[in-house]
């Protein structure tokens, strides 16, 4: 994916990759503001750092690989503070400091939580994301056809019109 547009939230994200297909840059455009994050890797492809460009280092992260070998980081320095990094037996990330990540029995993302926010995900039988709940704000999606998001400012509806295997139109409204 090179770019993603969310017309309801009015956010555009651009992604840049290196010659090996690893994420190298992530740029977000929202409310006339631009923020960029750069990623670096070691020689075998392990993530070493995540750094905001042109911003304070409040969102920076440096990852440390285990001294005895291994590919999953065992600690990270987040915003200058050392934090443990925990993986499950299958190598999936479970936590980094205050961030907790859970998967369901079918290896789908189920929950992401930090000190302020909790996001829960539900899926349909096709393994497509259907509901994302963030602290009570609920977004419902029928993949490729419809999305509804409820916020304090109101309810947003977005309809997609497919033809020839792709989206040819979009209609949106606030209710």
C-alpha atoms as a PDB file:
ATOM      1  CA  UNK A   1       0.000   0.000   0.000  1.00  0.00           C
ATOM      2  CA  UNK A   2       1.431   3.355  -1.005  1.00  0.00           C
ATOM      3  CA  UNK A   3      -1.374   5.603   0.217  1.00  0.00           C
ATOM      4  CA  UNK A   4      -4.612   5.507   2.213  1.00  0.00           C
ATOM      5  CA  UNK A   5      -7.385   8.098   2.370  1.00  0.00           C
ATOM      6  CA  UNK A   6     -10.038   8.281   5.073  1.00  0.00           C
ATOM      7  CA  UNK A   7     -12.610  10.770   3.839  1.00  0.00           C
ATOM      8  CA  UNK A   8     -14.616  10.663   7.054  1.00  0.00           C
ATOM      9  CA  UNK A   9     -11.696  11.533   9.338  1.00  0.00           C
ATOM     10  CA  UNK A  10     -10.142  13.662   6.556  1.00  0.00           C
ATOM     11  CA  UNK A  11      -6.782  11.931   6.865  1.00  0.00           C
ATOM     12  CA  UNK A  12      -4.338  10.917   4.150  1.00  0.00           C
ATOM     13  CA  UNK A  13      -1.440   8.588   4.868  1.00  0.00           C
ATOM     14  CA  UNK A  14       1.496   7.966   2.515  1.00  0.00           C
ATOM     15  CA  UNK A  15       3.898   5.051   2.917  1.00  0.00           C
ATOM     16  CA  UNK A  16       7.448   4.722   1.579  1.00  0.00           C
ATOM     17  CA  UNK A  17       9.398   1.476   1.319  1.00  0.00           C
ATOM     18  CA  UNK A  18      13.028   0.518   0.801  1.00  0.00           C
ATOM     19  CA  UNK A  19      14.230  -1.861  -1.943  1.00  0.00           C
ATOM     20  CA  UNK A  20      13.416  -4.854   0.295  1.00  0.00           C
ATOM     21  CA  UNK A  21       9.809  -3.774   0.825  1.00  0.00           C
ATOM     22  CA  UNK A  22      10.267  -2.636   4.434  1.00  0.00           C
ATOM     23  CA  UNK A  23       8.404   0.426   5.679  1.00  0.00           C
ATOM     24  CA  UNK A  24      10.847   3.333   5.557  1.00  0.00           C
ATOM     25  CA  UNK A  25       8.585   6.370   5.979  1.00  0.00           C
ATOM     26  CA  UNK A  26       5.017   7.086   7.064  1.00  0.00           C
ATOM     27  CA  UNK A  27       3.551  10.517   6.396  1.00  0.00           C
ATOM     28  CA  UNK A  28       0.184  11.718   7.723  1.00  0.00           C
ATOM     29  CA  UNK A  29      -1.715  14.731   6.422  1.00  0.00           C
ATOM     30  CA  UNK A  30      -4.587  15.872   8.666  1.00  0.00           C
ATOM     31  CA  UNK A  31      -6.186  19.269   9.197  1.00  0.00           C
ATOM     32  CA  UNK A  32      -3.534  21.016   7.088  1.00  0.00           C
ATOM     33  CA  UNK A  33      -0.765  19.470   9.188  1.00  0.00           C
ATOM     34  CA  UNK A  34       1.914  17.065   8.042  1.00  0.00           C
ATOM     35  CA  UNK A  35       3.788  14.631  10.255  1.00  0.00           C
ATOM     36  CA  UNK A  36       6.390  12.133   9.126  1.00  0.00           C
ATOM     37  CA  UNK A  37       7.971   9.149  10.838  1.00  0.00           C
ATOM     38  CA  UNK A  38      11.108   7.320   9.623  1.00  0.00           C
ATOM     39  CA  UNK A  39      12.036   3.707  10.366  1.00  0.00           C
ATOM     40  CA  UNK A  40      15.487   2.047  10.346  1.00  0.00           C
ATOM     41  CA  UNK A  41      16.548  -1.612  10.293  1.00  0.00           C
ATOM     42  CA  UNK A  42      19.669  -3.651  10.968  1.00  0.00           C
ATOM     43  CA  UNK A  43      21.440  -5.721   8.279  1.00  0.00           C
ATOM     44  CA  UNK A  44      19.049  -8.680   8.623  1.00  0.00           C
ATOM     45  CA  UNK A  45      15.867  -6.595   8.687  1.00  0.00           C
ATOM     46  CA  UNK A  46      15.088  -6.167  12.380  1.00  0.00           C
ATOM     47  CA  UNK A  47      13.443  -2.869  13.279  1.00  0.00           C
ATOM     48  CA  UNK A  48      15.928  -0.691  15.157  1.00  0.00           C
ATOM     49  CA  UNK A  49      14.215   2.681  15.450  1.00  0.00           C
ATOM     50  CA  UNK A  50      11.164   4.801  14.783  1.00  0.00           C
ATOM     51  CA  UNK A  51      11.759   8.551  14.667  1.00  0.00           C
ATOM     52  CA  UNK A  52       9.468  11.502  14.017  1.00  0.00           C
ATOM     53  CA  UNK A  53      10.915  13.948  11.485  1.00  0.00           C
ATOM     54  CA  UNK A  54      10.985  17.624  12.392  1.00  0.00           C
ATOM     55  CA  UNK A  55       9.173  17.111  15.697  1.00  0.00           C
ATOM     56  CA  UNK A  56      10.063  16.584  19.303  1.00  0.00           C
ATOM     57  CA  UNK A  57      11.333  13.161  20.238  1.00  0.00           C
ATOM     58  CA  UNK A  58       8.180  12.482  22.290  1.00  0.00           C
ATOM     59  CA  UNK A  59       7.259   9.684  19.868  1.00  0.00           C
ATOM     60  CA  UNK A  60      10.697   8.175  19.300  1.00  0.00           C
ATOM     61  CA  UNK A  61      11.521   4.523  19.863  1.00  0.00           C
ATOM     62  CA  UNK A  62      14.786   2.566  19.760  1.00  0.00           C
ATOM     63  CA  UNK A  63      14.596  -1.237  19.892  1.00  0.00           C
ATOM     64  CA  UNK A  64      17.236  -3.540  21.419  1.00  0.00           C
ATOM     65  CA  UNK A  65      17.749  -7.112  20.237  1.00  0.00           C
ATOM     66  CA  UNK A  66      18.512  -9.853  22.781  1.00  0.00           C
ATOM     67  CA  UNK A  67      22.241 -10.156  23.525  1.00  0.00           C
ATOM     68  CA  UNK A  68      22.152 -13.966  23.168  1.00  0.00           C
ATOM     69  CA  UNK A  69      20.683 -13.768  19.660  1.00  0.00           C
ATOM     70  CA  UNK A  70      17.136 -13.740  18.393  1.00  0.00           C
ATOM     71  CA  UNK A  71      15.079 -11.540  16.132  1.00  0.00           C
ATOM     72  CA  UNK A  72      12.436 -10.025  18.396  1.00  0.00           C
ATOM     73  CA  UNK A  73      13.465  -6.998  20.454  1.00  0.00           C
ATOM     74  CA  UNK A  74      13.472  -7.615  24.206  1.00  0.00           C
ATOM     75  CA  UNK A  75      13.510  -3.966  25.247  1.00  0.00           C
ATOM     76  CA  UNK A  76      12.865  -0.536  23.815  1.00  0.00           C
ATOM     77  CA  UNK A  77      13.667   3.035  24.685  1.00  0.00           C
ATOM     78  CA  UNK A  78      10.415   4.974  24.283  1.00  0.00           C
ATOM     79  CA  UNK A  79      10.585   8.727  24.667  1.00  0.00           C
ATOM     80  CA  UNK A  80      13.824   8.268  26.582  1.00  0.00           C
ATOM     81  CA  UNK A  81      12.420   5.663  28.984  1.00  0.00           C
ATOM     82  CA  UNK A  82      13.515   1.988  28.929  1.00  0.00           C
ATOM     83  CA  UNK A  83      10.551  -0.388  28.544  1.00  0.00           C
ATOM     84  CA  UNK A  84      10.286  -4.195  28.248  1.00  0.00           C
ATOM     85  CA  UNK A  85       9.115  -5.711  24.953  1.00  0.00           C
ATOM     86  CA  UNK A  86       7.143  -8.972  25.303  1.00  0.00           C
ATOM     87  CA  UNK A  87       6.297 -11.475  22.534  1.00  0.00           C
ATOM     88  CA  UNK A  88       4.148 -14.597  22.722  1.00  0.00           C
ATOM     89  CA  UNK A  89       5.410 -18.089  21.826  1.00  0.00           C
ATOM     90  CA  UNK A  90       4.562 -17.471  18.136  1.00  0.00           C
ATOM     91  CA  UNK A  91       6.557 -14.225  18.028  1.00  0.00           C
ATOM     92  CA  UNK A  92       3.557 -11.863  18.030  1.00  0.00           C
ATOM     93  CA  UNK A  93       4.051  -8.636  19.929  1.00  0.00           C
ATOM     94  CA  UNK A  94       2.125  -8.663  23.244  1.00  0.00           C
ATOM     95  CA  UNK A  95       3.352  -5.497  24.912  1.00  0.00           C
ATOM     96  CA  UNK A  96       5.807  -2.619  24.747  1.00  0.00           C
ATOM     97  CA  UNK A  97       5.782  -0.727  28.018  1.00  0.00           C
ATOM     98  CA  UNK A  98       2.202   0.555  28.510  1.00  0.00           C
ATOM     99  CA  UNK A  99       1.017  -0.699  25.084  1.00  0.00           C
ATOM    100  CA  UNK A 100      -0.837  -4.052  25.162  1.00  0.00           C
ATOM    101  CA  UNK A 101      -1.783  -6.041  22.052  1.00  0.00           C
ATOM    102  CA  UNK A 102      -4.025  -9.123  21.965  1.00  0.00           C
ATOM    103  CA  UNK A 103      -4.928 -11.528  19.139  1.00  0.00           C
ATOM    104  CA  UNK A 104      -7.839 -13.957  18.924  1.00  0.00           C
ATOM    105  CA  UNK A 105      -7.634 -17.695  18.220  1.00  0.00           C
ATOM    106  CA  UNK A 106      -7.581 -17.053  14.450  1.00  0.00           C
ATOM    107  CA  UNK A 107      -4.550 -14.728  14.748  1.00  0.00           C
ATOM    108  CA  UNK A 108      -6.582 -11.549  14.164  1.00  0.00           C
ATOM    109  CA  UNK A 109      -5.943  -8.350  16.085  1.00  0.00           C
ATOM    110  CA  UNK A 110      -8.470  -8.261  18.944  1.00  0.00           C
ATOM    111  CA  UNK A 111      -7.368  -5.442  21.256  1.00  0.00           C
ATOM    112  CA  UNK A 112      -4.838  -2.605  21.379  1.00  0.00           C
ATOM    113  CA  UNK A 113      -4.614  -0.652  24.618  1.00  0.00           C
ATOM    114  CA  UNK A 114      -2.389   1.997  26.190  1.00  0.00           C
ATOM    115  CA  UNK A 115      -2.795   4.296  29.180  1.00  0.00           C
ATOM    116  CA  UNK A 116      -5.422   6.461  27.432  1.00  0.00           C
ATOM    117  CA  UNK A 117      -7.192   4.444  24.739  1.00  0.00           C
ATOM    118  CA  UNK A 118      -8.482   0.944  24.119  1.00  0.00           C
ATOM    119  CA  UNK A 119      -9.422  -0.284  20.655  1.00  0.00           C
ATOM    120  CA  UNK A 120     -11.372  -3.529  20.214  1.00  0.00           C
ATOM    121  CA  UNK A 121     -11.841  -5.230  16.838  1.00  0.00           C
ATOM    122  CA  UNK A 122     -14.535  -7.622  15.600  1.00  0.00           C
ATOM    123  CA  UNK A 123     -14.497  -9.548  12.306  1.00  0.00           C
ATOM    124  CA  UNK A 124     -16.918 -11.345  10.009  1.00  0.00           C
ATOM    125  CA  UNK A 125     -16.591 -14.962   8.828  1.00  0.00           C
ATOM    126  CA  UNK A 126     -14.409 -13.791   5.909  1.00  0.00           C
ATOM    127  CA  UNK A 127     -11.841 -12.429   8.415  1.00  0.00           C
ATOM    128  CA  UNK A 128     -12.666  -8.864   7.361  1.00  0.00           C
ATOM    129  CA  UNK A 129     -12.660  -6.084   9.963  1.00  0.00           C
ATOM    130  CA  UNK A 130     -16.285  -5.186  10.730  1.00  0.00           C
ATOM    131  CA  UNK A 131     -16.294  -3.206  13.997  1.00  0.00           C
ATOM    132  CA  UNK A 132     -13.648  -1.086  15.698  1.00  0.00           C
ATOM    133  CA  UNK A 133     -14.557   0.356  19.071  1.00  0.00           C
ATOM    134  CA  UNK A 134     -12.274   3.035  20.539  1.00  0.00           C
ATOM    135  CA  UNK A 135     -13.291   4.057  24.057  1.00  0.00           C
ATOM    136  CA  UNK A 136     -16.959   3.765  23.099  1.00  0.00           C
ATOM    137  CA  UNK A 137     -16.625   5.456  19.681  1.00  0.00           C
ATOM    138  CA  UNK A 138     -17.739   2.752  17.282  1.00  0.00           C
ATOM    139  CA  UNK A 139     -16.900   2.379  13.589  1.00  0.00           C
ATOM    140  CA  UNK A 140     -18.793  -0.242  11.589  1.00  0.00           C
ATOM    141  CA  UNK A 141     -17.581  -1.334   8.165  1.00  0.00           C
ATOM    142  CA  UNK A 142     -18.855  -3.629   5.422  1.00  0.00           C
ATOM    143  CA  UNK A 143     -15.661  -4.129   3.462  1.00  0.00           C
ATOM    144  CA  UNK A 144     -15.670  -2.073   0.293  1.00  0.00           C
ATOM    145  CA  UNK A 145     -19.331  -1.032   0.551  1.00  0.00           C
ATOM    146  CA  UNK A 146     -20.187   0.908   3.712  1.00  0.00           C
ATOM    147  CA  UNK A 147     -18.676   2.517   6.789  1.00  0.00           C
ATOM    148  CA  UNK A 148     -20.384   4.200   9.770  1.00  0.00           C
ATOM    149  CA  UNK A 149     -18.605   5.989  12.587  1.00  0.00           C
ATOM    150  CA  UNK A 150     -20.258   7.381  15.719  1.00  0.00           C
ATOM    151  CA  UNK A 151     -18.479  10.242  17.480  1.00  0.00           C
ATOM    152  CA  UNK A 152     -19.431  12.974  19.918  1.00  0.00           C
ATOM    153  CA  UNK A 153     -19.845  15.348  16.942  1.00  0.00           C
ATOM    154  CA  UNK A 154     -22.373  13.034  15.285  1.00  0.00           C
ATOM    155  CA  UNK A 155     -22.665   9.970  13.106  1.00  0.00           C
ATOM    156  CA  UNK A 156     -20.849   9.754   9.779  1.00  0.00           C
ATOM    157  CA  UNK A 157     -21.925   7.505   6.911  1.00  0.00           C
ATOM    158  CA  UNK A 158     -19.837   6.604   3.888  1.00  0.00           C
ATOM    159  CA  UNK A 159     -21.081   4.498   0.970  1.00  0.00           C
ATOM    160  CA  UNK A 160     -18.865   3.039  -1.763  1.00  0.00           C
ATOM    161  CA  UNK A 161     -20.176   2.188  -5.221  1.00  0.00           C
ATOM    162  CA  UNK A 162     -18.258  -0.672  -6.860  1.00  0.00           C
ATOM    163  CA  UNK A 163     -18.079  -1.509 -10.572  1.00  0.00           C
ATOM    164  CA  UNK A 164     -15.731  -3.718 -12.554  1.00  0.00           C
ATOM    165  CA  UNK A 165     -14.046  -4.898  -9.340  1.00  0.00           C
ATOM    166  CA  UNK A 166     -13.138  -1.456  -7.981  1.00  0.00           C
ATOM    167  CA  UNK A 167     -14.689   1.594  -6.339  1.00  0.00           C
ATOM    168  CA  UNK A 168     -16.005   4.073  -8.871  1.00  0.00           C
ATOM    169  CA  UNK A 169     -17.847   6.470  -6.530  1.00  0.00           C
ATOM    170  CA  UNK A 170     -18.295   7.428  -2.908  1.00  0.00           C
ATOM    171  CA  UNK A 171     -21.144   9.161  -1.135  1.00  0.00           C
ATOM    172  CA  UNK A 172     -20.933  10.433   2.402  1.00  0.00           C
ATOM    173  CA  UNK A 173     -23.165  12.194   4.891  1.00  0.00           C
ATOM    174  CA  UNK A 174     -23.389  13.203   8.508  1.00  0.00           C
ATOM    175  CA  UNK A 175     -26.501  12.191  10.401  1.00  0.00           C
END
